[in-house]
Amino acid sequence: MTETIFIDADKGGVAIFKGAGNKVARATTAKTLAYALDTHNIFGEVMFCSTMDFATEEGFATNDGARNLWDAAVALRN
């Protein structure tokens, strides 16, 4: 059975969870986030938590800040 991967804005960074409540990485830069995605073999479908849409509640300057960080990390991997 494959674990669900959750992506969450977290204190000005982006956190990766393998299953509910099992945080495996957190990054505040696109380079570090891309490294974490590679290290944990995270490819394909992920579930974004609501904080990714309301990132200002987690320390980002704008609500799209966490998504921008995610997009930059994915672009580095491609």
Protein backbone atom coordinates (compact mmCIF):
# COMPACT_ATOMS: atom_id res chain seq x y z
CA MET A 1 0.00 0.00 0.00
CA THR A 2 1.33 3.43 -0.94
CA GLU A 3 1.36 6.14 1.69
CA THR A 4 -0.37 9.41 0.91
CA ILE A 5 2.06 12.31 0.64
CA PHE A 6 0.84 15.54 2.22
CA ILE A 7 2.41 18.92 1.48
CA ASP A 8 1.88 21.63 4.07
CA ALA A 9 3.02 25.22 4.58
CA ASP A 10 4.94 25.22 7.85
CA LYS A 11 6.44 28.24 9.62
CA GLY A 12 7.69 29.96 6.47
CA GLY A 13 8.64 26.72 4.76
CA VAL A 14 7.08 23.69 3.15
CA ALA A 15 6.79 20.41 5.04
CA ILE A 16 6.47 16.93 3.56
CA PHE A 17 4.49 14.25 5.35
CA LYS A 18 4.40 10.55 4.47
CA GLY A 19 1.03 9.65 5.90
CA ALA A 20 -0.90 11.75 8.38
CA GLY A 21 1.29 13.33 11.05
CA ASN A 22 4.57 11.76 9.88
CA LYS A 23 6.73 14.74 8.90
CA VAL A 24 9.79 13.59 6.98
CA ALA A 25 11.19 16.92 5.78
CA ARG A 26 10.82 20.69 5.93
CA ALA A 27 12.49 23.24 3.68
CA THR A 28 12.55 27.01 3.30
CA THR A 29 14.36 27.15 -0.07
CA ALA A 30 13.50 25.61 -3.42
CA LYS A 31 16.89 23.86 -3.58
CA THR A 32 16.44 22.21 -0.19
CA LEU A 33 12.85 21.25 -0.97
CA ALA A 34 13.89 19.69 -4.29
CA TYR A 35 16.61 17.74 -2.44
CA ALA A 36 14.06 16.51 0.12
CA LEU A 37 11.69 15.39 -2.64
CA ASP A 38 14.51 13.44 -4.30
CA THR A 39 15.78 11.98 -1.03
CA HIS A 40 12.33 10.68 -0.08
CA ASN A 41 11.50 9.52 -3.63
CA ILE A 42 8.44 11.72 -3.88
CA PHE A 43 7.14 11.76 -7.42
CA GLY A 44 3.64 11.97 -8.82
CA GLU A 45 0.49 12.79 -6.95
CA VAL A 46 0.55 14.61 -3.62
CA MET A 47 -2.17 16.13 -1.45
CA PHE A 48 -1.85 19.82 -0.60
CA CYS A 49 -3.09 20.88 2.82
CA SER A 50 -5.17 24.06 3.14
CA THR A 51 -2.20 26.03 4.51
CA MET A 52 -0.72 25.92 1.01
CA ASP A 53 -3.59 28.21 -0.02
CA PHE A 54 -3.49 30.34 3.14
CA ALA A 55 0.28 30.54 3.51
CA THR A 56 0.23 33.90 5.30
CA GLU A 57 -1.10 32.01 8.32
CA GLU A 58 2.19 30.07 8.32
CA GLY A 59 4.61 32.98 7.96
CA PHE A 60 4.70 33.64 4.22
CA ALA A 61 4.38 37.22 2.95
CA THR A 62 1.62 36.25 0.50
CA ASN A 63 -0.91 33.43 0.28
CA ASP A 64 0.77 32.09 -2.86
CA GLY A 65 4.22 32.02 -1.24
CA ALA A 66 4.16 28.34 -0.32
CA ARG A 67 2.89 27.32 -3.77
CA ASN A 68 5.60 29.46 -5.38
CA LEU A 69 8.22 27.67 -3.28
CA TRP A 70 6.76 24.30 -4.28
CA ASP A 71 6.65 25.25 -7.98
CA ALA A 72 10.28 26.45 -7.88
CA ALA A 73 11.39 23.16 -6.29
CA VAL A 74 9.53 21.10 -8.89
CA ALA A 75 11.07 23.22 -11.67
CA LEU A 76 14.55 22.47 -10.30
CA ARG A 77 13.84 18.75 -10.50
CA ASN A 78 12.71 18.89 -14.15
